Amino acid sequence: MTQAAVTRYNINFNGMMPFSNTCINILLAASNEIPYTVPGDPNQQYRAEFSASADEDVWVCLNGTAQVPTSDTVDDTPYQERIYSGMARCVNGGDTLSFIGTGTSQVGVSFLLVQQ
């Protein structure tokens, strides 16, 4: 697989991030799961920064299928987290991110190459 040409992250930015040339934007419908495959090779690690509209809850699952938690139960889906403002996680090229929300939600993810 061809390595993706992406903007590199550098710790010297001191809290400031460059614009990314690898971004996704999703408009989710309520309870409709959407998968996305991270570009690049498995040896490429990215900083993925997530954002979601504040009106509805949105979850992301790494290499699984995201699901909306069921009322009055404990949902222990591995590698699934609720997206919050400024959330950033490490992902590798070829990983799958699965998104789902409780209502119509806008989701954005910006990727910065950390290492390869």
N, C-alpha and C. Protein backbone atom coordinates (compact mmCIF):
# COMPACT_ATOMS: atom_id res chain seq x y z
N MET A 1 0.84 -1.18 0.00
CA MET A 1 0.00 0.00 0.00
C MET A 1 0.89 1.24 0.00
N THR A 2 0.56 2.22 -0.77
CA THR A 2 1.32 3.47 -0.86
C THR A 2 1.13 4.29 0.40
N GLN A 3 2.24 4.82 0.93
CA GLN A 3 2.14 5.65 2.11
C GLN A 3 1.49 6.98 1.75
N ALA A 4 0.59 7.42 2.62
CA ALA A 4 -0.12 8.67 2.40
C ALA A 4 0.79 9.85 2.72
N ALA A 5 0.75 10.88 1.90
CA ALA A 5 1.50 12.11 2.16
C ALA A 5 0.66 12.97 3.08
N VAL A 6 1.07 13.10 4.33
CA VAL A 6 0.28 13.86 5.30
C VAL A 6 1.17 14.83 6.06
N THR A 7 0.55 15.81 6.70
CA THR A 7 1.26 16.79 7.50
C THR A 7 1.82 16.11 8.75
N ARG A 8 3.08 16.38 9.07
CA ARG A 8 3.73 15.77 10.24
C ARG A 8 3.46 16.59 11.49
N TYR A 9 3.31 15.87 12.63
CA TYR A 9 3.20 16.50 13.94
C TYR A 9 4.60 16.66 14.51
N ASN A 10 4.87 17.78 15.16
CA ASN A 10 6.15 18.02 15.81
C ASN A 10 5.88 18.60 17.19
N ILE A 11 6.48 18.01 18.21
CA ILE A 11 6.25 18.45 19.58
C ILE A 11 6.63 19.92 19.79
N ASN A 12 7.50 20.46 18.97
CA ASN A 12 7.92 21.84 19.11
C ASN A 12 6.82 22.85 18.81
N PHE A 13 5.65 22.37 18.35
CA PHE A 13 4.55 23.30 18.09
C PHE A 13 3.98 23.85 19.40
N ASN A 14 4.34 23.24 20.58
CA ASN A 14 3.94 23.73 21.89
C ASN A 14 2.46 24.05 21.99
N GLY A 15 1.62 23.04 21.77
CA GLY A 15 0.17 23.21 21.90
C GLY A 15 -0.49 23.72 20.63
N MET A 16 0.27 24.11 19.65
CA MET A 16 -0.28 24.62 18.41
C MET A 16 -0.14 23.53 17.34
N MET A 17 -1.20 23.27 16.61
CA MET A 17 -1.17 22.24 15.59
C MET A 17 -1.26 22.86 14.20
N PRO A 18 -0.54 22.29 13.24
CA PRO A 18 -0.67 22.79 11.87
C PRO A 18 -1.98 22.29 11.26
N PHE A 19 -2.41 22.91 10.18
CA PHE A 19 -3.55 22.39 9.43
C PHE A 19 -3.17 21.03 8.87
N SER A 20 -4.12 20.14 8.84
CA SER A 20 -3.90 18.80 8.30
C SER A 20 -4.43 18.73 6.87
N ASN A 21 -3.72 17.98 6.03
CA ASN A 21 -4.23 17.76 4.68
C ASN A 21 -4.99 16.44 4.59
N THR A 22 -5.15 15.77 5.74
CA THR A 22 -5.92 14.53 5.79
C THR A 22 -6.99 14.69 6.86
N CYS A 23 -8.20 15.04 6.44
CA CYS A 23 -9.31 15.31 7.36
C CYS A 23 -10.57 14.63 6.82
N ILE A 24 -11.46 14.29 7.72
CA ILE A 24 -12.77 13.79 7.29
C ILE A 24 -13.85 14.58 8.00
N ASN A 25 -14.96 14.73 7.34
CA ASN A 25 -16.14 15.38 7.90
C ASN A 25 -17.34 14.49 7.60
N ILE A 26 -18.14 14.23 8.63
CA ILE A 26 -19.26 13.30 8.51
C ILE A 26 -20.51 13.97 9.06
N LEU A 27 -21.63 13.79 8.37
CA LEU A 27 -22.92 14.18 8.90
C LEU A 27 -23.67 12.89 9.20
N LEU A 28 -23.77 12.57 10.51
CA LEU A 28 -24.41 11.32 10.94
C LEU A 28 -25.92 11.48 11.06
N ALA A 29 -26.64 10.46 10.67
CA ALA A 29 -28.07 10.36 10.95
C ALA A 29 -28.21 9.57 12.25
N ALA A 30 -29.28 9.79 12.97
CA ALA A 30 -29.48 9.13 14.26
C ALA A 30 -29.35 7.62 14.15
N SER A 31 -28.52 7.04 15.01
CA SER A 31 -28.32 5.59 15.14
C SER A 31 -27.85 4.91 13.86
N ASN A 32 -27.22 5.67 12.96
CA ASN A 32 -26.70 5.11 11.71
C ASN A 32 -25.18 5.05 11.80
N GLU A 33 -24.61 3.84 11.92
CA GLU A 33 -23.18 3.64 12.07
C GLU A 33 -22.47 3.84 10.73
N ILE A 34 -21.35 4.57 10.76
CA ILE A 34 -20.57 4.82 9.55
C ILE A 34 -19.11 4.46 9.83
N PRO A 35 -18.51 3.54 9.04
CA PRO A 35 -17.09 3.21 9.23
C PRO A 35 -16.20 4.06 8.32
N TYR A 36 -14.94 4.23 8.74
CA TYR A 36 -13.95 4.95 7.95
C TYR A 36 -12.60 4.26 8.16
N THR A 37 -11.87 4.00 7.07
CA THR A 37 -10.55 3.39 7.16
C THR A 37 -9.48 4.47 7.09
N VAL A 38 -8.60 4.49 8.10
CA VAL A 38 -7.53 5.47 8.17
C VAL A 38 -6.57 5.20 7.00
N PRO A 39 -6.19 6.24 6.24
CA PRO A 39 -5.30 6.02 5.09
C PRO A 39 -3.89 5.65 5.53
N GLY A 40 -3.15 5.03 4.63
CA GLY A 40 -1.74 4.74 4.88
C GLY A 40 -1.48 3.31 5.29
N ASP A 41 -0.23 3.06 5.64
CA ASP A 41 0.24 1.74 6.03
C ASP A 41 0.17 1.57 7.54
N PRO A 42 0.13 0.31 8.02
CA PRO A 42 0.09 0.06 9.47
C PRO A 42 1.29 0.63 10.24
N ASN A 43 2.41 0.86 9.56
CA ASN A 43 3.58 1.43 10.26
C ASN A 43 3.50 2.96 10.34
N GLN A 44 2.44 3.57 9.84
CA GLN A 44 2.24 5.02 9.96
C GLN A 44 1.30 5.27 11.14
N GLN A 45 1.79 6.01 12.13
CA GLN A 45 0.97 6.33 13.29
C GLN A 45 0.53 7.79 13.18
N TYR A 46 -0.74 8.03 13.50
CA TYR A 46 -1.32 9.37 13.39
C TYR A 46 -1.86 9.85 14.72
N ARG A 47 -1.86 11.14 14.88
CA ARG A 47 -2.62 11.79 15.95
C ARG A 47 -3.95 12.15 15.31
N ALA A 48 -5.02 11.57 15.81
CA ALA A 48 -6.36 11.85 15.29
C ALA A 48 -7.08 12.74 16.30
N GLU A 49 -7.44 13.96 15.88
CA GLU A 49 -8.18 14.86 16.77
C GLU A 49 -9.64 14.90 16.31
N PHE A 50 -10.53 14.62 17.25
CA PHE A 50 -11.96 14.49 16.98
C PHE A 50 -12.71 15.73 17.44
N SER A 51 -13.77 16.04 16.72
CA SER A 51 -14.71 17.07 17.15
C SER A 51 -16.11 16.62 16.73
N ALA A 52 -17.09 17.02 17.50
CA ALA A 52 -18.48 16.66 17.19
C ALA A 52 -19.38 17.79 17.63
N SER A 53 -20.52 17.94 16.95
CA SER A 53 -21.47 18.97 17.33
C SER A 53 -21.95 18.69 18.75
N ALA A 54 -22.20 19.75 19.50
CA ALA A 54 -22.53 19.63 20.92
C ALA A 54 -23.98 19.21 21.17
N ASP A 55 -24.81 19.21 20.16
CA ASP A 55 -26.23 18.93 20.35
C ASP A 55 -26.54 17.47 20.66
N GLU A 56 -25.76 16.55 20.13
CA GLU A 56 -26.03 15.11 20.27
C GLU A 56 -24.77 14.39 20.72
N ASP A 57 -24.95 13.21 21.30
CA ASP A 57 -23.81 12.38 21.69
C ASP A 57 -23.33 11.57 20.50
N VAL A 58 -21.99 11.45 20.36
CA VAL A 58 -21.38 10.68 19.28
C VAL A 58 -20.31 9.78 19.89
N TRP A 59 -20.26 8.54 19.43
CA TRP A 59 -19.25 7.59 19.87
C TRP A 59 -18.39 7.17 18.69
N VAL A 60 -17.12 6.86 18.99
CA VAL A 60 -16.20 6.33 18.00
C VAL A 60 -15.63 5.03 18.55
N CYS A 61 -15.49 4.03 17.67
CA CYS A 61 -14.95 2.73 18.07
C CYS A 61 -13.78 2.41 17.14
N LEU A 62 -12.65 1.98 17.74
CA LEU A 62 -11.46 1.62 16.98
C LEU A 62 -11.51 0.14 16.62
N ASN A 63 -11.47 -0.16 15.31
CA ASN A 63 -11.43 -1.53 14.80
C ASN A 63 -12.58 -2.40 15.33
N GLY A 64 -13.74 -1.80 15.42
CA GLY A 64 -14.97 -2.50 15.82
C GLY A 64 -16.15 -1.74 15.28
N THR A 65 -17.32 -2.08 15.73
CA THR A 65 -18.54 -1.40 15.29
C THR A 65 -19.10 -0.59 16.45
N ALA A 66 -19.19 0.73 16.27
CA ALA A 66 -19.72 1.61 17.31
C ALA A 66 -21.20 1.31 17.53
N GLN A 67 -21.61 1.45 18.78
CA GLN A 67 -23.02 1.26 19.11
C GLN A 67 -23.44 2.25 20.17
N VAL A 68 -24.70 2.68 20.09
CA VAL A 68 -25.25 3.59 21.09
C VAL A 68 -25.54 2.76 22.34
N PRO A 69 -25.09 3.22 23.51
CA PRO A 69 -25.36 2.46 24.73
C PRO A 69 -26.87 2.31 24.98
N THR A 70 -27.22 1.20 25.60
CA THR A 70 -28.61 0.90 25.93
C THR A 70 -28.97 1.53 27.26
N SER A 71 -30.18 2.04 27.38
CA SER A 71 -30.63 2.67 28.63
C SER A 71 -30.57 1.69 29.80
N ASP A 72 -30.18 2.21 30.96
CA ASP A 72 -30.16 1.48 32.22
C ASP A 72 -29.28 0.23 32.20
N THR A 73 -28.22 0.24 31.39
CA THR A 73 -27.26 -0.86 31.37
C THR A 73 -25.85 -0.29 31.33
N VAL A 74 -24.89 -1.13 31.64
CA VAL A 74 -23.48 -0.76 31.50
C VAL A 74 -22.99 -1.35 30.19
N ASP A 75 -22.56 -0.51 29.29
CA ASP A 75 -22.07 -0.95 27.98
C ASP A 75 -20.54 -0.92 28.03
N ASP A 76 -19.90 -2.09 27.93
CA ASP A 76 -18.45 -2.16 28.03
C ASP A 76 -17.80 -2.53 26.70
N THR A 77 -18.21 -1.84 25.64
CA THR A 77 -17.65 -2.07 24.32
C THR A 77 -16.18 -1.67 24.30
N PRO A 78 -15.27 -2.63 24.02
CA PRO A 78 -13.84 -2.30 24.00
C PRO A 78 -13.50 -1.27 22.92
N TYR A 79 -12.61 -0.37 23.23
CA TYR A 79 -12.08 0.64 22.30
C TYR A 79 -13.15 1.58 21.76
N GLN A 80 -14.25 1.74 22.48
CA GLN A 80 -15.28 2.71 22.09
C GLN A 80 -15.31 3.82 23.13
N GLU A 81 -15.31 5.07 22.64
CA GLU A 81 -15.36 6.22 23.52
C GLU A 81 -16.33 7.26 22.98
N ARG A 82 -16.91 8.02 23.90
CA ARG A 82 -17.76 9.15 23.52
C ARG A 82 -16.82 10.29 23.13
N ILE A 83 -17.10 10.91 22.00
CA ILE A 83 -16.27 12.02 21.51
C ILE A 83 -16.57 13.28 22.33
N TYR A 84 -15.50 13.93 22.76
CA TYR A 84 -15.63 15.21 23.44
C TYR A 84 -14.71 16.22 22.75
N SER A 85 -14.94 17.49 22.97
CA SER A 85 -14.19 18.54 22.31
C SER A 85 -12.70 18.44 22.63
N GLY A 86 -11.87 18.41 21.59
CA GLY A 86 -10.43 18.36 21.75
C GLY A 86 -9.87 16.96 21.98
N MET A 87 -10.70 15.95 21.90
CA MET A 87 -10.24 14.56 22.11
C MET A 87 -9.26 14.18 21.01
N ALA A 88 -8.12 13.61 21.40
CA ALA A 88 -7.12 13.15 20.44
C ALA A 88 -6.66 11.75 20.84
N ARG A 89 -6.50 10.88 19.85
CA ARG A 89 -6.05 9.51 20.08
C ARG A 89 -5.04 9.13 19.00
N CYS A 90 -4.23 8.11 19.28
CA CYS A 90 -3.30 7.56 18.29
C CYS A 90 -3.99 6.47 17.50
N VAL A 91 -3.83 6.51 16.19
CA VAL A 91 -4.35 5.47 15.30
C VAL A 91 -3.27 5.14 14.28
N ASN A 92 -3.39 4.01 13.65
CA ASN A 92 -2.44 3.58 12.62
C ASN A 92 -3.13 3.53 11.26
N GLY A 93 -2.34 3.67 10.21
CA GLY A 93 -2.88 3.49 8.87
C GLY A 93 -3.53 2.11 8.76
N GLY A 94 -4.68 2.04 8.13
CA GLY A 94 -5.40 0.78 7.97
C GLY A 94 -6.38 0.50 9.08
N ASP A 95 -6.29 1.23 10.22
CA ASP A 95 -7.29 1.06 11.28
C ASP A 95 -8.66 1.52 10.77
N THR A 96 -9.70 0.96 11.36
CA THR A 96 -11.06 1.37 11.03
C THR A 96 -11.65 2.13 12.21
N LEU A 97 -12.21 3.30 11.94
CA LEU A 97 -12.94 4.07 12.94
C LEU A 97 -14.41 3.97 12.60
N SER A 98 -15.22 3.62 13.57
CA SER A 98 -16.66 3.49 13.38
C SER A 98 -17.34 4.57 14.22
N PHE A 99 -18.29 5.29 13.63
CA PHE A 99 -18.96 6.40 14.29
C PHE A 99 -20.46 6.13 14.38
N ILE A 100 -21.07 6.55 15.48
CA ILE A 100 -22.52 6.48 15.63
C ILE A 100 -22.95 7.59 16.58
N GLY A 101 -24.14 8.12 16.38
CA GLY A 101 -24.64 9.18 17.24
C GLY A 101 -26.09 8.97 17.61
N THR A 102 -26.56 9.75 18.59
CA THR A 102 -27.94 9.65 19.06
C THR A 102 -28.89 10.49 18.22
N GLY A 103 -28.37 11.38 17.42
CA GLY A 103 -29.20 12.23 16.57
C GLY A 103 -28.37 12.68 15.39
N THR A 104 -28.86 13.66 14.65
CA THR A 104 -28.11 14.20 13.52
C THR A 104 -26.92 14.98 14.08
N SER A 105 -25.73 14.50 13.81
CA SER A 105 -24.51 15.08 14.37
C SER A 105 -23.48 15.32 13.28
N GLN A 106 -22.70 16.36 13.46
CA GLN A 106 -21.57 16.61 12.58
C GLN A 106 -20.30 16.18 13.31
N VAL A 107 -19.45 15.44 12.61
CA VAL A 107 -18.22 14.92 13.19
C VAL A 107 -17.06 15.32 12.28
N GLY A 108 -15.94 15.71 12.87
CA GLY A 108 -14.73 15.99 12.12
C GLY A 108 -13.55 15.30 12.75
N VAL A 109 -12.63 14.83 11.93
CA VAL A 109 -11.39 14.23 12.42
C VAL A 109 -10.24 14.76 11.56
N SER A 110 -9.19 15.25 12.24
CA SER A 110 -7.98 15.71 11.56
C SER A 110 -6.84 14.79 11.95
N PHE A 111 -6.09 14.35 10.94
CA PHE A 111 -4.99 13.41 11.16
C PHE A 111 -3.65 14.11 10.94
N LEU A 112 -2.70 13.90 11.88
CA LEU A 112 -1.33 14.37 11.73
C LEU A 112 -0.42 13.18 11.87
N LEU A 113 0.52 13.01 10.94
CA LEU A 113 1.44 11.89 10.98
C LEU A 113 2.44 12.08 12.12
N VAL A 114 2.51 11.10 13.02
CA VAL A 114 3.42 11.15 14.16
C VAL A 114 4.71 10.45 13.82
N GLN A 115 4.63 9.22 13.28
CA GLN A 115 5.82 8.47 12.91
C GLN A 115 5.49 7.47 11.82
N GLN A 116 6.54 6.99 11.16
CA GLN A 116 6.36 5.93 10.18
C GLN A 116 7.60 5.08 10.15
